[in-house]
Protein backbone atom coordinates (compact mmCIF):
# COMPACT_ATOMS: atom_id res chain seq x y z
CA UNK A 1 7.41 -0.06 -12.23
CA UNK A 2 6.13 -2.49 -14.86
CA UNK A 3 3.87 -4.08 -12.28
CA UNK A 4 2.25 -0.73 -11.51
CA UNK A 5 1.86 0.02 -15.21
CA UNK A 6 0.28 -3.38 -15.87
CA UNK A 7 -2.01 -2.99 -12.87
CA UNK A 8 -3.14 0.45 -14.05
CA UNK A 9 -3.80 -0.82 -17.58
CA UNK A 10 -5.79 -3.75 -16.16
CA UNK A 11 -7.93 -1.46 -14.01
CA UNK A 12 -8.45 0.98 -16.89
CA UNK A 13 -9.42 -1.70 -19.40
CA UNK A 14 -11.73 -3.68 -17.13
CA UNK A 15 -13.20 -0.64 -15.30
CA UNK A 16 -12.02 -1.91 -11.90
CA UNK A 17 -11.24 1.48 -10.39
CA UNK A 18 -12.70 0.40 -7.07
CA UNK A 19 -9.49 -1.61 -6.55
CA UNK A 20 -7.38 1.56 -6.36
CA UNK A 21 -8.22 2.55 -2.74
CA UNK A 22 -7.64 -1.02 -1.56
CA UNK A 23 -4.23 -1.15 -3.23
CA UNK A 24 -3.23 2.25 -1.83
CA UNK A 25 -4.18 1.25 1.73
CA UNK A 26 -2.27 -2.02 1.46
CA UNK A 27 0.83 -0.22 0.15
CA UNK A 28 0.68 2.35 2.96
CA UNK A 29 0.31 -0.35 5.60
CA UNK A 30 3.25 -2.25 4.12
CA UNK A 31 5.43 0.85 4.13
CA UNK A 32 4.40 1.61 7.72
CA UNK A 33 5.31 -1.90 8.85
CA UNK A 34 8.67 -1.93 7.05
CA UNK A 35 9.82 1.46 8.27
CA UNK A 36 8.17 1.20 11.66
CA UNK A 37 9.78 -2.08 12.58
CA UNK A 38 13.31 -0.80 12.22
CA UNK A 39 13.11 2.74 13.53
CA UNK A 40 12.84 4.68 16.76
CA UNK A 41 9.14 5.32 16.21
CA UNK A 42 8.28 1.61 16.43
CA UNK A 43 6.77 1.82 19.96
CA UNK A 44 4.41 4.56 18.80
CA UNK A 45 3.30 2.60 15.75
CA UNK A 46 2.66 -0.53 17.81
CA UNK A 47 0.21 1.41 19.97
CA UNK A 48 -1.91 2.05 16.85
CA UNK A 49 -2.48 -1.67 16.40
């Protein structure tokens, strides 16, 4: 959680709020890959890509 706190403070101090959507999309894609690779829904996720 310290990484998220440091990242938020960096964006707040330097006015880099445009980074937030990029970070959210990357986190969602990472979660999708991790959970999709080891579950029964993997064939459905692979059709998206």
